């Protein structure tokens, strides 16, 4: 069993920054590709960013490209999402997810390709 715990959410003004963290326990972290998704009230869960198990390859949604950066520290079993230039439309619950399946540009944005999920952390961006 794999447990994922997100932290770092909060309330920030537009233009500000936040860094989300997701600590993974239970299995060998370096075996998993990791993703961040978000879900606003009444909306579907949307892909934000993903990173390969080695950290070499990353993917981003068009809406966050150039503003958000995903990274990981395999020694600390942690994946990060640095969010800069935040906009009110970034407001959502952010979830991290892990997958041991084949990982590529076609699978990274698909939520059902991920096997394990955290409980989510709320990010609210005020205008």
N, C-alpha and C. Protein backbone atom coordinates (compact mmCIF):
# COMPACT_ATOMS: atom_id res chain seq x y z
N UNK A 1 0.84 -1.19 0.00
CA UNK A 1 0.00 0.00 0.00
C UNK A 1 0.88 1.25 0.00
N UNK A 2 0.44 2.24 -0.72
CA UNK A 2 1.18 3.49 -0.82
C UNK A 2 0.32 4.61 -0.24
N UNK A 3 0.90 5.41 0.62
CA UNK A 3 0.20 6.55 1.20
C UNK A 3 0.84 7.84 0.69
N UNK A 4 -0.03 8.78 0.30
CA UNK A 4 0.42 10.07 -0.19
C UNK A 4 -0.22 11.16 0.67
N UNK A 5 0.59 12.09 1.13
CA UNK A 5 0.10 13.17 1.97
C UNK A 5 0.57 14.50 1.41
N UNK A 6 -0.39 15.34 0.97
CA UNK A 6 -0.07 16.65 0.43
C UNK A 6 -0.06 17.69 1.55
N UNK A 7 0.69 18.75 1.31
CA UNK A 7 0.69 19.90 2.21
C UNK A 7 1.13 21.12 1.42
N UNK A 8 0.96 22.29 2.03
CA UNK A 8 1.44 23.52 1.42
C UNK A 8 0.37 24.40 0.80
N UNK A 9 -0.87 23.92 0.79
CA UNK A 9 -1.93 24.76 0.25
C UNK A 9 -2.25 25.93 1.17
N UNK A 10 -3.08 26.84 0.67
CA UNK A 10 -3.47 27.98 1.48
C UNK A 10 -4.10 29.05 0.63
N UNK A 11 -4.21 30.23 1.24
CA UNK A 11 -4.80 31.40 0.58
C UNK A 11 -3.68 32.35 0.17
N UNK A 12 -3.70 32.78 -1.09
CA UNK A 12 -2.67 33.67 -1.60
C UNK A 12 -3.32 34.65 -2.56
N UNK A 13 -2.74 35.83 -2.66
CA UNK A 13 -3.25 36.82 -3.61
C UNK A 13 -2.77 36.51 -5.02
N UNK A 14 -3.52 36.97 -5.98
CA UNK A 14 -3.13 36.79 -7.37
C UNK A 14 -1.72 37.36 -7.59
N UNK A 15 -0.93 36.62 -8.33
CA UNK A 15 0.46 37.00 -8.56
C UNK A 15 1.43 36.40 -7.58
N UNK A 16 0.90 35.81 -6.51
CA UNK A 16 1.74 35.22 -5.49
C UNK A 16 2.20 33.81 -5.84
N UNK A 17 2.86 33.18 -4.87
CA UNK A 17 3.43 31.85 -5.07
C UNK A 17 3.10 30.95 -3.90
N UNK A 18 3.05 29.66 -4.20
CA UNK A 18 2.93 28.62 -3.19
C UNK A 18 3.75 27.43 -3.66
N UNK A 19 4.22 26.63 -2.70
CA UNK A 19 4.87 25.38 -3.04
C UNK A 19 4.15 24.24 -2.33
N UNK A 20 3.63 23.33 -3.12
CA UNK A 20 2.98 22.15 -2.58
C UNK A 20 3.99 21.02 -2.46
N UNK A 21 3.80 20.21 -1.42
CA UNK A 21 4.63 19.03 -1.22
C UNK A 21 3.74 17.81 -1.10
N UNK A 22 4.27 16.69 -1.50
CA UNK A 22 3.56 15.42 -1.38
C UNK A 22 4.57 14.37 -0.94
N UNK A 23 4.40 13.89 0.28
CA UNK A 23 5.28 12.86 0.82
C UNK A 23 4.65 11.49 0.58
N UNK A 24 5.46 10.56 0.11
CA UNK A 24 4.98 9.22 -0.22
C UNK A 24 5.61 8.21 0.71
N UNK A 25 4.79 7.32 1.25
CA UNK A 25 5.28 6.27 2.14
C UNK A 25 4.69 4.94 1.74
N UNK A 26 5.41 3.89 2.06
CA UNK A 26 4.87 2.54 1.89
C UNK A 26 5.55 1.69 0.85
N UNK A 27 6.11 2.33 -0.17
CA UNK A 27 6.80 1.58 -1.21
C UNK A 27 8.02 2.38 -1.67
N UNK A 28 8.78 1.84 -2.58
CA UNK A 28 9.96 2.53 -3.08
C UNK A 28 9.53 3.68 -3.96
N UNK A 29 9.73 4.89 -3.45
CA UNK A 29 9.26 6.10 -4.13
C UNK A 29 9.83 6.21 -5.54
N UNK A 30 11.09 5.84 -5.71
CA UNK A 30 11.74 6.02 -7.00
C UNK A 30 11.19 5.09 -8.08
N UNK A 31 10.31 4.18 -7.73
CA UNK A 31 9.67 3.31 -8.71
C UNK A 31 8.46 3.95 -9.37
N UNK A 32 8.01 5.10 -8.83
CA UNK A 32 6.75 5.68 -9.25
C UNK A 32 6.95 6.99 -9.99
N UNK A 33 6.25 7.13 -11.10
CA UNK A 33 6.04 8.44 -11.69
C UNK A 33 4.96 9.14 -10.87
N UNK A 34 5.04 10.45 -10.83
CA UNK A 34 4.14 11.22 -9.98
C UNK A 34 3.42 12.29 -10.79
N UNK A 35 2.20 12.57 -10.37
CA UNK A 35 1.44 13.62 -11.04
C UNK A 35 0.73 14.52 -10.05
N UNK A 36 0.43 15.72 -10.50
CA UNK A 36 -0.43 16.63 -9.75
C UNK A 36 -1.67 16.90 -10.60
N UNK A 37 -2.81 16.84 -9.95
CA UNK A 37 -4.09 17.15 -10.57
C UNK A 37 -4.81 18.17 -9.69
N UNK A 38 -5.82 18.80 -10.23
CA UNK A 38 -6.60 19.73 -9.43
C UNK A 38 -8.07 19.63 -9.80
N UNK A 39 -8.91 19.99 -8.83
CA UNK A 39 -10.35 19.92 -9.05
C UNK A 39 -11.02 21.10 -8.37
N UNK A 40 -11.66 21.91 -9.18
CA UNK A 40 -12.45 23.03 -8.67
C UNK A 40 -13.88 22.56 -8.43
N UNK A 41 -14.63 23.26 -7.59
CA UNK A 41 -16.01 22.86 -7.30
C UNK A 41 -16.84 22.75 -8.59
N UNK A 42 -17.52 21.62 -8.74
CA UNK A 42 -18.37 21.42 -9.89
C UNK A 42 -17.64 21.08 -11.17
N UNK A 43 -16.31 20.93 -11.08
CA UNK A 43 -15.51 20.65 -12.27
C UNK A 43 -14.91 19.26 -12.20
N UNK A 44 -14.43 18.79 -13.33
CA UNK A 44 -13.73 17.51 -13.35
C UNK A 44 -12.30 17.69 -12.82
N UNK A 45 -11.69 16.57 -12.49
CA UNK A 45 -10.31 16.60 -12.03
C UNK A 45 -9.40 16.78 -13.25
N UNK A 46 -8.61 17.83 -13.23
CA UNK A 46 -7.78 18.20 -14.37
C UNK A 46 -6.30 17.95 -14.09
N UNK A 47 -5.61 17.58 -15.13
CA UNK A 47 -4.16 17.38 -15.06
C UNK A 47 -3.44 18.71 -14.91
N UNK A 48 -2.42 18.72 -14.07
CA UNK A 48 -1.59 19.91 -13.89
C UNK A 48 -0.17 19.65 -14.37
N UNK A 49 0.48 18.64 -13.79
CA UNK A 49 1.87 18.36 -14.12
C UNK A 49 2.21 16.93 -13.73
N UNK A 50 3.26 16.40 -14.33
CA UNK A 50 3.71 15.05 -14.00
C UNK A 50 5.21 14.96 -14.19
N UNK A 51 5.80 13.98 -13.50
CA UNK A 51 7.25 13.81 -13.55
C UNK A 51 7.56 12.32 -13.54
N UNK A 52 8.54 11.93 -14.33
CA UNK A 52 8.91 10.53 -14.40
C UNK A 52 9.58 10.08 -13.10
N UNK A 53 9.75 8.78 -12.96
CA UNK A 53 10.31 8.24 -11.73
C UNK A 53 11.73 8.74 -11.48
N UNK A 54 12.49 8.97 -12.54
CA UNK A 54 13.86 9.46 -12.41
C UNK A 54 13.92 10.97 -12.22
N UNK A 55 12.84 11.64 -12.58
CA UNK A 55 12.82 13.10 -12.54
C UNK A 55 13.30 13.76 -13.81
N UNK A 56 13.68 12.97 -14.79
CA UNK A 56 14.25 13.53 -16.02
C UNK A 56 13.17 14.15 -16.90
N UNK A 57 12.01 13.52 -16.95
CA UNK A 57 10.96 13.95 -17.88
C UNK A 57 9.80 14.57 -17.12
N UNK A 58 9.34 15.72 -17.61
CA UNK A 58 8.19 16.38 -17.00
C UNK A 58 7.17 16.76 -18.06
N UNK A 59 5.93 16.86 -17.64
CA UNK A 59 4.84 17.27 -18.51
C UNK A 59 4.00 18.30 -17.77
N UNK A 60 3.43 19.23 -18.52
CA UNK A 60 2.60 20.27 -17.94
C UNK A 60 1.36 20.50 -18.80
N UNK A 61 0.29 20.89 -18.14
CA UNK A 61 -0.86 21.35 -18.91
C UNK A 61 -0.55 22.72 -19.48
N UNK A 62 -1.21 23.07 -20.55
CA UNK A 62 -0.96 24.36 -21.18
C UNK A 62 -1.29 25.51 -20.24
N UNK A 63 -2.25 25.31 -19.36
CA UNK A 63 -2.71 26.38 -18.49
C UNK A 63 -1.69 26.76 -17.41
N UNK A 64 -0.74 25.88 -17.13
CA UNK A 64 0.24 26.18 -16.07
C UNK A 64 1.67 26.25 -16.59
N UNK A 65 1.86 25.88 -17.84
CA UNK A 65 3.22 25.85 -18.39
C UNK A 65 3.85 27.24 -18.29
N UNK A 66 5.08 27.27 -17.80
CA UNK A 66 5.78 28.53 -17.61
C UNK A 66 5.56 29.18 -16.26
N UNK A 67 4.55 28.71 -15.52
CA UNK A 67 4.27 29.26 -14.19
C UNK A 67 4.52 28.23 -13.08
N UNK A 68 4.25 26.99 -13.36
CA UNK A 68 4.40 25.93 -12.36
C UNK A 68 5.61 25.06 -12.71
N UNK A 69 6.24 24.52 -11.67
CA UNK A 69 7.36 23.60 -11.86
C UNK A 69 7.19 22.39 -10.95
N UNK A 70 7.24 21.21 -11.54
CA UNK A 70 7.19 19.99 -10.75
C UNK A 70 8.61 19.47 -10.58
N UNK A 71 8.90 18.95 -9.40
CA UNK A 71 10.22 18.38 -9.13
C UNK A 71 10.05 17.27 -8.09
N UNK A 72 11.10 16.52 -7.89
CA UNK A 72 11.04 15.45 -6.90
C UNK A 72 12.38 15.27 -6.25
N UNK A 73 12.35 14.78 -5.02
CA UNK A 73 13.55 14.44 -4.28
C UNK A 73 13.39 12.98 -3.85
N UNK A 74 14.03 12.08 -4.56
CA UNK A 74 13.84 10.66 -4.28
C UNK A 74 14.45 10.25 -2.93
N UNK A 75 15.41 11.01 -2.46
CA UNK A 75 15.98 10.71 -1.14
C UNK A 75 15.00 11.07 -0.02
N UNK A 76 14.11 12.04 -0.30
CA UNK A 76 13.14 12.49 0.71
C UNK A 76 11.74 11.95 0.44
N UNK A 77 11.58 11.12 -0.60
CA UNK A 77 10.27 10.54 -0.95
C UNK A 77 9.22 11.63 -1.15
N UNK A 78 9.62 12.71 -1.78
CA UNK A 78 8.74 13.86 -1.89
C UNK A 78 8.70 14.40 -3.32
N UNK A 79 7.52 14.77 -3.74
CA UNK A 79 7.35 15.49 -5.00
C UNK A 79 6.80 16.87 -4.68
N UNK A 80 7.25 17.86 -5.45
CA UNK A 80 6.89 19.25 -5.20
C UNK A 80 6.17 19.84 -6.41
N UNK A 81 5.38 20.85 -6.13
CA UNK A 81 4.80 21.66 -7.19
C UNK A 81 4.99 23.13 -6.80
N UNK A 82 5.94 23.77 -7.45
CA UNK A 82 6.16 25.21 -7.23
C UNK A 82 5.22 25.97 -8.14
N UNK A 83 4.40 26.81 -7.55
CA UNK A 83 3.38 27.54 -8.31
C UNK A 83 3.65 29.03 -8.19
N UNK A 84 3.98 29.66 -9.30
CA UNK A 84 4.25 31.09 -9.35
C UNK A 84 3.20 31.80 -10.19
N UNK A 85 3.14 33.10 -10.04
CA UNK A 85 2.20 33.93 -10.82
C UNK A 85 0.79 33.35 -10.76
N UNK A 86 0.36 33.05 -9.57
CA UNK A 86 -0.94 32.40 -9.40
C UNK A 86 -2.08 33.30 -9.83
N UNK A 87 -3.12 32.68 -10.37
CA UNK A 87 -4.30 33.37 -10.85
C UNK A 87 -5.53 32.85 -10.10
N UNK A 88 -6.58 33.63 -10.04
CA UNK A 88 -7.80 33.14 -9.38
C UNK A 88 -8.30 31.82 -9.97
N UNK A 89 -8.10 31.62 -11.26
CA UNK A 89 -8.56 30.37 -11.88
C UNK A 89 -7.72 29.16 -11.48
N UNK A 90 -6.65 29.36 -10.75
CA UNK A 90 -5.88 28.24 -10.20
C UNK A 90 -6.50 27.70 -8.91
N UNK A 91 -7.52 28.37 -8.41
CA UNK A 91 -8.17 27.93 -7.19
C UNK A 91 -8.79 26.55 -7.37
N UNK A 92 -8.42 25.63 -6.49
CA UNK A 92 -8.89 24.25 -6.59
C UNK A 92 -8.31 23.44 -5.43
N UNK A 93 -8.79 22.23 -5.29
CA UNK A 93 -8.12 21.25 -4.45
C UNK A 93 -7.08 20.55 -5.32
N UNK A 94 -5.85 20.51 -4.83
CA UNK A 94 -4.75 19.91 -5.58
C UNK A 94 -4.44 18.54 -4.99
N UNK A 95 -4.32 17.57 -5.88
CA UNK A 95 -4.06 16.18 -5.50
C UNK A 95 -2.76 15.70 -6.13
N UNK A 96 -1.97 14.96 -5.36
CA UNK A 96 -0.86 14.27 -5.98
C UNK A 96 -1.24 12.80 -6.17
N UNK A 97 -0.59 12.18 -7.13
CA UNK A 97 -0.92 10.82 -7.50
C UNK A 97 0.35 10.10 -7.93
N UNK A 98 0.32 8.77 -7.78
CA UNK A 98 1.49 7.95 -8.10
C UNK A 98 1.08 6.82 -9.04
N UNK A 99 1.98 6.49 -9.94
CA UNK A 99 1.74 5.37 -10.84
C UNK A 99 3.03 4.60 -11.09
N UNK A 100 2.89 3.27 -11.17
CA UNK A 100 4.03 2.42 -11.52
C UNK A 100 3.86 1.87 -12.94
N UNK A 101 2.85 2.35 -13.64
CA UNK A 101 2.58 1.86 -15.00
C UNK A 101 3.52 2.53 -16.00
N UNK A 102 3.43 2.10 -17.23
CA UNK A 102 4.21 2.75 -18.29
C UNK A 102 3.81 4.22 -18.34
N UNK A 103 4.78 5.09 -18.39
CA UNK A 103 4.56 6.52 -18.24
C UNK A 103 5.08 7.24 -19.47
N UNK A 104 4.23 8.07 -20.06
CA UNK A 104 4.65 8.85 -21.21
C UNK A 104 3.71 10.01 -21.44
N UNK A 105 3.92 10.72 -22.50
CA UNK A 105 3.12 11.91 -22.75
C UNK A 105 1.64 11.59 -22.93
N UNK A 106 1.36 10.35 -23.40
CA UNK A 106 -0.04 9.98 -23.63
C UNK A 106 -0.74 9.62 -22.32
N UNK A 107 -0.01 9.11 -21.34
CA UNK A 107 -0.63 8.62 -20.11
C UNK A 107 -0.57 9.61 -18.97
N UNK A 108 0.44 10.46 -18.95
CA UNK A 108 0.64 11.36 -17.81
C UNK A 108 -0.59 12.19 -17.47
N UNK A 109 -1.31 12.72 -18.45
CA UNK A 109 -2.46 13.57 -18.10
C UNK A 109 -3.74 12.83 -17.75
N UNK A 110 -3.73 11.51 -17.76
CA UNK A 110 -4.96 10.74 -17.60
C UNK A 110 -5.09 10.26 -16.16
N UNK A 111 -6.11 10.69 -15.45
CA UNK A 111 -6.17 10.42 -14.01
C UNK A 111 -6.28 8.93 -13.71
N UNK A 112 -6.94 8.14 -14.57
CA UNK A 112 -7.10 6.72 -14.25
C UNK A 112 -5.83 5.91 -14.54
N UNK A 113 -4.79 6.55 -15.05
CA UNK A 113 -3.50 5.88 -15.19
C UNK A 113 -2.73 5.86 -13.87
N UNK A 114 -3.26 6.54 -12.85
CA UNK A 114 -2.59 6.61 -11.57
C UNK A 114 -3.29 5.69 -10.57
N UNK A 115 -2.49 5.03 -9.75
CA UNK A 115 -3.01 4.01 -8.85
C UNK A 115 -3.28 4.52 -7.44
N UNK A 116 -2.54 5.52 -7.02
CA UNK A 116 -2.63 5.99 -5.64
C UNK A 116 -2.80 7.51 -5.63
N UNK A 117 -3.60 7.97 -4.68
CA UNK A 117 -3.93 9.39 -4.59
C UNK A 117 -3.83 9.87 -3.15
N UNK A 118 -3.46 11.14 -3.01
CA UNK A 118 -3.51 11.78 -1.71
C UNK A 118 -4.90 12.33 -1.43
N UNK A 119 -5.05 12.96 -0.28
CA UNK A 119 -6.35 13.45 0.15
C UNK A 119 -6.64 14.85 -0.38
N UNK A 120 -5.63 15.52 -0.89
CA UNK A 120 -5.81 16.84 -1.48
C UNK A 120 -5.48 17.97 -0.52
N UNK A 121 -5.09 19.09 -1.09
CA UNK A 121 -4.82 20.30 -0.32
C UNK A 121 -5.45 21.48 -1.07
N UNK A 122 -6.12 22.35 -0.33
CA UNK A 122 -6.86 23.45 -0.94
C UNK A 122 -5.92 24.61 -1.26
N UNK A 123 -6.04 25.11 -2.47
CA UNK A 123 -5.34 26.32 -2.89
C UNK A 123 -6.40 27.34 -3.31
N UNK A 124 -6.35 28.51 -2.69
CA UNK A 124 -7.30 29.57 -3.00
C UNK A 124 -6.53 30.82 -3.38
N UNK A 125 -6.81 31.35 -4.56
CA UNK A 125 -6.14 32.54 -5.06
C UNK A 125 -7.16 33.66 -5.15
N UNK A 126 -6.92 34.71 -4.39
CA UNK A 126 -7.85 35.82 -4.38
C UNK A 126 -7.43 36.86 -5.41
N UNK A 127 -8.42 37.57 -5.94
CA UNK A 127 -8.13 38.58 -6.97
C UNK A 127 -7.91 39.94 -6.36
